[in-house]
Amino acid sequence: MAELLVVPEELAGGRADAVLAALLGVSRSTAASLLAGGHVLSSGRPVAKSAKVGVGEELLVERPETRDPLEVVVEKVDGLEILIDDEDFVVVDKPVGVAAHPSPGWVGPTVVGGLAGAGYRISTSGAPERAGIVHRLDVGTSGAMVVAKTELAYTALKQAFKDRTVEKVYHAVVQGIPDPLEGTIDAPIGRHPGYDWRFAVIEDGRPSVTHYEVIEAFGRASLVEVHLETGRTHQIRVHFSALHHPCAGDLTYGADPRLAADLGLTRQWLHAYRLAFAHPRTGERVEAVSPYPADLQYAIDVLREGRV
């Protein structure tokens, strides 16, 4: 929607970004962004943020439409595959770079939007942007994820995750060889005291328990199978980083960038490999397995062939 502003005498001679901020009642940085994006015209030409404006000068402001960060964008999501399609739920194979649901600060594709784009109609209680979401995988983590289709399944699966009866098995490639080769990491996790976007093992954190077993050891790295007893944000990444065996490629939590480059990784080697739970209607065991995506399989091949 376009808005015509006329520069009053008291603001004449000022910089365009300062004048625009005053006329629109916005911050100077917001005004500068509008100018830099070519959204402010004078006599049909874009106005530079440092330009001086004259008295009576007409500024035509075309504010770009801003999308509600919680709006579900219905779209086809490349790589979003269906592992199990049941009357009550669907198990998806979530690719890297896809969030579970819309949230402030995320403008990329989502599982909710991808399922809607594929014709799935999820009908459950709760916020529309989280329809059917009973658990989440990080944007940078791929693998099996279940989404409820019905209210019955939503209620039952939410309770199952709360009761920790859902079997969540991850595979990860971590740097070095953990000692012992099989064990449990029981260490509380909370927000990192120095970085808002990171988590850490801290004394007053939430209880967090990770069970692991080394499947293959390659020297510079190991393939481990991980069973989660709890489901804290970044739990596997934080726990293995605390052991000084961060997930390969996980630069946020201290991974060696040289190993990441050697393995062709642009994200952490972490994959939700298997998901098993009781069917919400029949109680029968349901199990879904997600094969390694191409980038993670390539890294495994490099390690197995001794190329690093």
Protein backbone atom coordinates (compact mmCIF):
# COMPACT_ATOMS: atom_id res chain seq x y z
CA MET A 1 0.00 0.00 0.00
CA ALA A 2 1.49 3.35 -1.08
CA GLU A 3 1.63 6.38 1.21
CA LEU A 4 2.38 9.94 0.05
CA LEU A 5 4.36 12.09 2.47
CA VAL A 6 5.13 15.79 2.11
CA VAL A 7 8.29 17.12 3.76
CA PRO A 8 7.35 19.95 6.18
CA GLU A 9 9.45 23.04 6.62
CA GLU A 10 10.83 21.97 10.01
CA LEU A 11 12.35 18.80 8.53
CA ALA A 12 13.58 20.33 5.27
CA GLY A 13 17.29 19.88 4.60
CA GLY A 14 17.57 16.76 6.70
CA ARG A 15 18.82 13.35 5.59
CA ALA A 16 16.16 11.20 3.96
CA ASP A 17 16.47 8.39 6.53
CA ALA A 18 16.06 10.77 9.48
CA VAL A 19 13.16 12.63 7.85
CA LEU A 20 11.39 9.42 6.85
CA ALA A 21 11.78 7.98 10.37
CA ALA A 22 10.17 11.11 11.83
CA LEU A 23 7.29 11.17 9.33
CA LEU A 24 6.49 7.46 9.65
CA GLY A 25 7.16 7.15 13.36
CA VAL A 26 9.59 4.28 12.85
CA SER A 27 13.23 3.70 13.79
CA ARG A 28 15.95 5.21 11.65
CA SER A 29 17.22 1.72 10.73
CA THR A 30 13.73 0.76 9.50
CA ALA A 31 13.57 3.93 7.43
CA ALA A 32 17.04 3.22 6.03
CA SER A 33 15.92 -0.30 5.04
CA LEU A 34 12.93 1.12 3.15
CA LEU A 35 15.20 3.55 1.31
CA ALA A 36 17.85 0.92 0.57
CA GLY A 37 15.18 -1.38 -0.83
CA GLY A 38 13.98 1.26 -3.28
CA HIS A 39 10.62 1.59 -1.56
CA VAL A 40 10.73 5.41 -1.35
CA LEU A 41 10.40 7.50 -4.52
CA SER A 42 10.67 11.21 -5.21
CA SER A 43 9.61 12.36 -8.69
CA GLY A 44 9.55 8.71 -9.72
CA ARG A 45 13.14 8.02 -8.66
CA PRO A 46 14.43 6.07 -5.63
CA VAL A 47 15.70 8.22 -2.78
CA ALA A 48 19.10 7.50 -1.24
CA LYS A 49 19.18 7.34 2.55
CA SER A 50 21.81 10.11 2.75
CA ALA A 51 20.04 12.41 0.29
CA LYS A 52 18.88 15.80 1.59
CA VAL A 53 15.16 16.44 1.17
CA GLY A 54 13.59 19.81 0.51
CA VAL A 55 10.51 21.54 1.88
CA GLY A 56 7.34 20.41 0.14
CA GLU A 57 9.11 17.46 -1.49
CA GLU A 58 6.74 14.54 -2.03
CA LEU A 59 7.93 11.11 -0.94
CA LEU A 60 5.98 8.11 -2.18
CA VAL A 61 6.47 5.24 0.25
CA GLU A 62 5.54 1.70 -0.81
CA ARG A 63 5.85 -0.46 2.26
CA PRO A 64 6.61 -4.11 1.40
CA GLU A 65 4.12 -6.63 2.69
CA THR A 66 5.37 -8.45 5.75
CA ARG A 67 4.28 -12.01 6.36
CA ASP A 68 3.01 -13.15 9.72
CA PRO A 69 5.87 -15.33 11.07
CA LEU A 70 3.30 -17.86 12.29
CA GLU A 71 1.51 -18.13 8.96
CA VAL A 72 1.59 -21.62 7.47
CA VAL A 73 2.94 -21.33 3.94
CA VAL A 74 1.41 -24.13 1.88
CA GLU A 75 4.14 -25.32 -0.47
CA LYS A 76 5.88 -28.32 -1.93
CA VAL A 77 8.90 -29.08 0.19
CA ASP A 78 11.68 -30.80 -1.73
CA GLY A 79 12.92 -33.95 -0.03
CA LEU A 80 9.99 -34.28 2.38
CA GLU A 81 9.12 -37.95 1.97
CA ILE A 82 6.42 -40.07 3.63
CA LEU A 83 7.62 -43.14 5.54
CA ILE A 84 4.23 -44.23 6.96
CA ASP A 85 0.79 -42.90 6.02
CA ASP A 86 -1.83 -44.00 8.53
CA GLU A 87 -5.41 -42.89 9.13
CA ASP A 88 -4.36 -41.31 12.43
CA PHE A 89 -0.81 -40.09 11.75
CA VAL A 90 1.90 -39.68 9.18
CA VAL A 91 5.61 -40.34 9.67
CA VAL A 92 7.72 -38.08 7.49
CA ASP A 93 11.35 -38.23 6.49
CA LYS A 94 12.31 -34.62 7.27
CA PRO A 95 15.17 -33.21 5.19
CA VAL A 96 17.77 -30.84 6.56
CA GLY A 97 16.84 -27.16 6.27
CA VAL A 98 13.18 -27.70 7.10
CA ALA A 99 11.61 -26.63 10.41
CA ALA A 100 8.84 -28.58 12.12
CA HIS A 101 6.48 -25.59 12.12
CA PRO A 102 6.45 -21.80 11.55
CA SER A 103 8.01 -19.65 14.26
CA PRO A 104 9.30 -16.08 14.67
CA GLY A 105 12.67 -15.70 13.00
CA TRP A 106 12.21 -18.63 10.59
CA VAL A 107 11.20 -17.91 6.99
CA GLY A 108 12.09 -21.25 5.40
CA PRO A 109 10.01 -24.34 4.62
CA THR A 110 8.20 -26.31 7.32
CA VAL A 111 6.85 -29.81 7.79
CA VAL A 112 3.38 -28.38 8.49
CA GLY A 113 3.43 -26.35 5.26
CA GLY A 114 4.90 -29.22 3.27
CA LEU A 115 2.21 -31.66 4.41
CA ALA A 116 -0.49 -29.11 3.56
CA GLY A 117 1.13 -28.64 0.14
CA ALA A 118 1.04 -32.42 -0.38
CA GLY A 119 -2.70 -32.48 0.31
CA TYR A 120 -2.69 -33.63 3.93
CA ARG A 121 -5.36 -32.15 6.17
CA ILE A 122 -4.27 -32.17 9.77
CA SER A 123 -7.13 -31.64 12.23
CA THR A 124 -6.01 -31.34 15.84
CA SER A 125 -6.31 -28.92 18.73
CA GLY A 126 -3.73 -26.28 19.44
CA ALA A 127 -2.34 -23.40 17.41
CA PRO A 128 -2.87 -23.74 13.62
CA GLU A 129 0.84 -23.28 12.88
CA ARG A 130 1.61 -26.33 15.04
CA ALA A 131 -1.23 -28.54 13.82
CA GLY A 132 -0.39 -32.18 14.49
CA ILE A 133 3.11 -31.48 15.83
CA VAL A 134 3.81 -33.75 18.81
CA HIS A 135 7.62 -33.49 18.73
CA ARG A 136 10.25 -31.64 16.73
CA LEU A 137 13.56 -32.09 14.98
CA ASP A 138 16.02 -29.22 14.67
CA VAL A 139 16.21 -27.48 11.30
CA GLY A 140 19.73 -28.87 10.89
CA THR A 141 18.74 -32.45 11.77
CA SER A 142 17.18 -34.86 9.28
CA GLY A 143 15.17 -38.02 9.79
CA ALA A 144 11.96 -39.64 11.00
CA MET A 145 9.27 -37.46 12.58
CA VAL A 146 5.65 -38.31 13.36
CA VAL A 147 2.76 -35.86 12.86
CA ALA A 148 -0.73 -36.57 14.20
CA LYS A 149 -3.67 -36.36 11.77
CA THR A 150 -6.50 -36.80 14.27
CA GLU A 151 -7.33 -35.51 17.72
CA LEU A 152 -7.11 -39.06 19.09
CA ALA A 153 -3.59 -39.51 17.74
CA TYR A 154 -2.51 -36.02 18.84
CA THR A 155 -3.57 -36.64 22.44
CA ALA A 156 -2.13 -40.16 22.60
CA LEU A 157 1.20 -39.30 20.98
CA LYS A 158 1.71 -36.16 23.06
CA GLN A 159 1.19 -38.29 26.17
CA ALA A 160 3.54 -40.99 24.85
CA PHE A 161 6.33 -38.47 24.35
CA LYS A 162 5.66 -37.02 27.80
CA ASP A 163 5.76 -40.50 29.35
CA ARG A 164 8.96 -41.31 27.40
CA THR A 165 7.47 -44.46 25.89
CA VAL A 166 8.44 -43.43 22.36
CA GLU A 167 11.68 -45.00 21.15
CA LYS A 168 13.83 -42.29 19.57
CA VAL A 169 17.02 -43.61 18.00
CA TYR A 170 19.55 -41.29 16.39
CA HIS A 171 22.75 -41.96 14.53
CA ALA A 172 25.59 -39.48 14.81
CA VAL A 173 29.16 -39.23 13.64
CA VAL A 174 31.22 -37.74 16.46
CA GLN A 175 34.83 -36.67 16.46
CA GLY A 176 37.33 -39.14 17.89
CA ILE A 177 36.38 -42.32 19.75
CA PRO A 178 34.27 -41.99 22.92
CA ASP A 179 35.61 -43.81 25.97
CA PRO A 180 33.87 -45.97 27.06
CA LEU A 181 32.48 -47.25 23.77
CA GLU A 182 29.06 -47.61 25.38
CA GLY A 183 27.61 -45.47 28.12
CA THR A 184 25.14 -42.95 29.45
CA ILE A 185 25.53 -39.18 29.60
CA ASP A 186 23.48 -37.83 32.50
CA ALA A 187 24.07 -34.08 32.62
CA PRO A 188 21.58 -31.19 32.98
CA ILE A 189 21.15 -28.84 30.01
CA GLY A 190 20.13 -25.20 29.94
CA ARG A 191 20.72 -22.08 27.90
CA HIS A 192 24.36 -21.17 27.48
CA PRO A 193 25.20 -18.28 29.83
CA GLY A 194 27.11 -16.44 27.12
CA TYR A 195 25.19 -17.22 23.91
CA ASP A 196 21.40 -16.95 23.53
CA TRP A 197 21.27 -19.38 20.60
CA ARG A 198 23.32 -22.13 22.24
CA PHE A 199 22.74 -24.59 25.06
CA ALA A 200 25.21 -26.08 27.51
CA VAL A 201 25.63 -28.47 30.39
CA ILE A 202 24.97 -26.29 33.43
CA GLU A 203 24.40 -27.06 37.09
CA ASP A 204 20.84 -25.73 37.26
CA GLY A 205 19.77 -27.03 33.84
CA ARG A 206 16.93 -29.45 33.11
CA PRO A 207 17.61 -33.18 33.64
CA SER A 208 18.94 -34.69 30.40
CA VAL A 209 19.89 -38.31 29.75
CA THR A 210 21.52 -39.72 26.61
CA HIS A 211 22.46 -43.37 26.06
CA TYR A 212 25.00 -44.18 23.33
CA GLU A 213 26.92 -47.04 21.74
CA VAL A 214 29.74 -46.83 19.22
CA ILE A 215 28.76 -48.75 16.07
CA GLU A 216 31.91 -48.14 14.03
CA ALA A 217 35.19 -46.45 14.96
CA PHE A 218 37.23 -44.82 12.21
CA GLY A 219 40.02 -43.08 14.13
CA ARG A 220 39.24 -39.42 13.52
CA ALA A 221 35.55 -40.07 14.04
CA SER A 222 33.03 -42.67 15.19
CA LEU A 223 29.51 -43.64 14.17
CA VAL A 224 27.37 -43.90 17.29
CA GLU A 225 23.81 -44.98 17.95
CA VAL A 226 22.02 -42.78 20.43
CA HIS A 227 18.88 -43.45 22.47
CA LEU A 228 17.28 -40.41 24.04
CA GLU A 229 15.66 -40.77 27.43
CA THR A 230 14.82 -37.05 27.50
CA GLY A 231 14.29 -34.63 24.62
CA ARG A 232 16.03 -31.33 25.35
CA THR A 233 16.84 -28.86 22.60
CA HIS A 234 20.23 -29.74 21.03
CA GLN A 235 20.61 -32.53 23.62
CA ILE A 236 22.81 -34.89 21.59
CA ARG A 237 24.95 -32.05 20.25
CA VAL A 238 25.45 -30.53 23.71
CA HIS A 239 26.19 -33.82 25.47
CA PHE A 240 28.79 -35.01 22.98
CA SER A 241 30.37 -31.57 22.88
CA ALA A 242 30.66 -31.71 26.68
CA LEU A 243 32.51 -35.05 26.27
CA HIS A 244 34.88 -33.33 23.83
CA HIS A 245 33.49 -35.49 21.01
CA PRO A 246 31.24 -33.01 19.14
CA CYS A 247 29.17 -34.15 16.18
CA ALA A 248 31.25 -33.88 13.03
CA GLY A 249 30.38 -30.68 11.17
CA ASP A 250 28.76 -29.07 14.22
CA LEU A 251 30.79 -25.86 14.27
CA THR A 252 28.35 -24.28 16.75
CA TYR A 253 29.42 -26.79 19.38
CA GLY A 254 33.15 -26.95 18.73
CA ALA A 255 33.60 -29.33 15.80
CA ASP A 256 36.83 -29.17 13.79
CA PRO A 257 36.12 -27.33 10.51
CA ARG A 258 38.94 -29.27 8.81
CA LEU A 259 37.23 -32.61 9.44
CA ALA A 260 33.92 -31.14 8.27
CA ALA A 261 35.58 -30.07 5.02
CA ASP A 262 37.23 -33.47 4.56
CA LEU A 263 33.85 -35.17 4.98
CA GLY A 264 32.00 -32.68 2.75
CA LEU A 265 29.75 -31.63 5.62
CA THR A 266 27.92 -28.31 5.74
CA ARG A 267 25.91 -29.28 8.87
CA GLN A 268 26.21 -31.59 11.85
CA TRP A 269 26.23 -35.32 11.14
CA LEU A 270 23.10 -36.14 13.13
CA HIS A 271 20.13 -38.14 11.90
CA ALA A 272 16.86 -39.33 13.49
CA TYR A 273 17.31 -42.89 12.27
CA ARG A 274 14.46 -44.81 13.89
CA LEU A 275 11.18 -43.91 15.58
CA ALA A 276 8.94 -46.47 17.29
CA PHE A 277 5.74 -46.02 19.25
CA ALA A 278 2.43 -47.66 20.11
CA HIS A 279 -0.29 -47.06 17.53
CA PRO A 280 -2.63 -44.48 19.12
CA ARG A 281 -5.73 -46.49 18.19
CA THR A 282 -4.70 -50.17 18.27
CA GLY A 283 -1.69 -50.14 20.60
CA GLU A 284 0.36 -52.18 18.11
CA ARG A 285 4.03 -51.28 17.69
CA VAL A 286 4.79 -48.89 14.83
CA GLU A 287 8.36 -48.49 13.63
CA ALA A 288 9.79 -46.21 10.96
CA VAL A 289 13.39 -46.14 9.73
CA SER A 290 14.88 -43.25 7.80
CA PRO A 291 17.85 -44.03 5.51
CA TYR A 292 20.82 -41.69 5.59
CA PRO A 293 20.46 -38.74 3.21
CA ALA A 294 23.10 -38.29 0.52
CA ASP A 295 25.35 -35.83 2.36
CA LEU A 296 25.58 -37.98 5.49
CA GLN A 297 26.07 -41.19 3.48
CA TYR A 298 28.93 -39.53 1.57
CA ALA A 299 30.70 -38.69 4.84
CA ILE A 300 30.30 -42.29 6.05
CA ASP A 301 31.70 -43.59 2.76
CA VAL A 302 34.73 -41.32 3.06
CA LEU A 303 35.41 -42.60 6.57
CA ARG A 304 34.92 -46.25 5.66
CA GLU A 305 37.26 -45.94 2.69
CA GLY A 306 39.94 -44.34 4.85
CA ARG A 307 40.09 -41.17 2.76
CA VAL A 308 40.54 -38.92 5.81
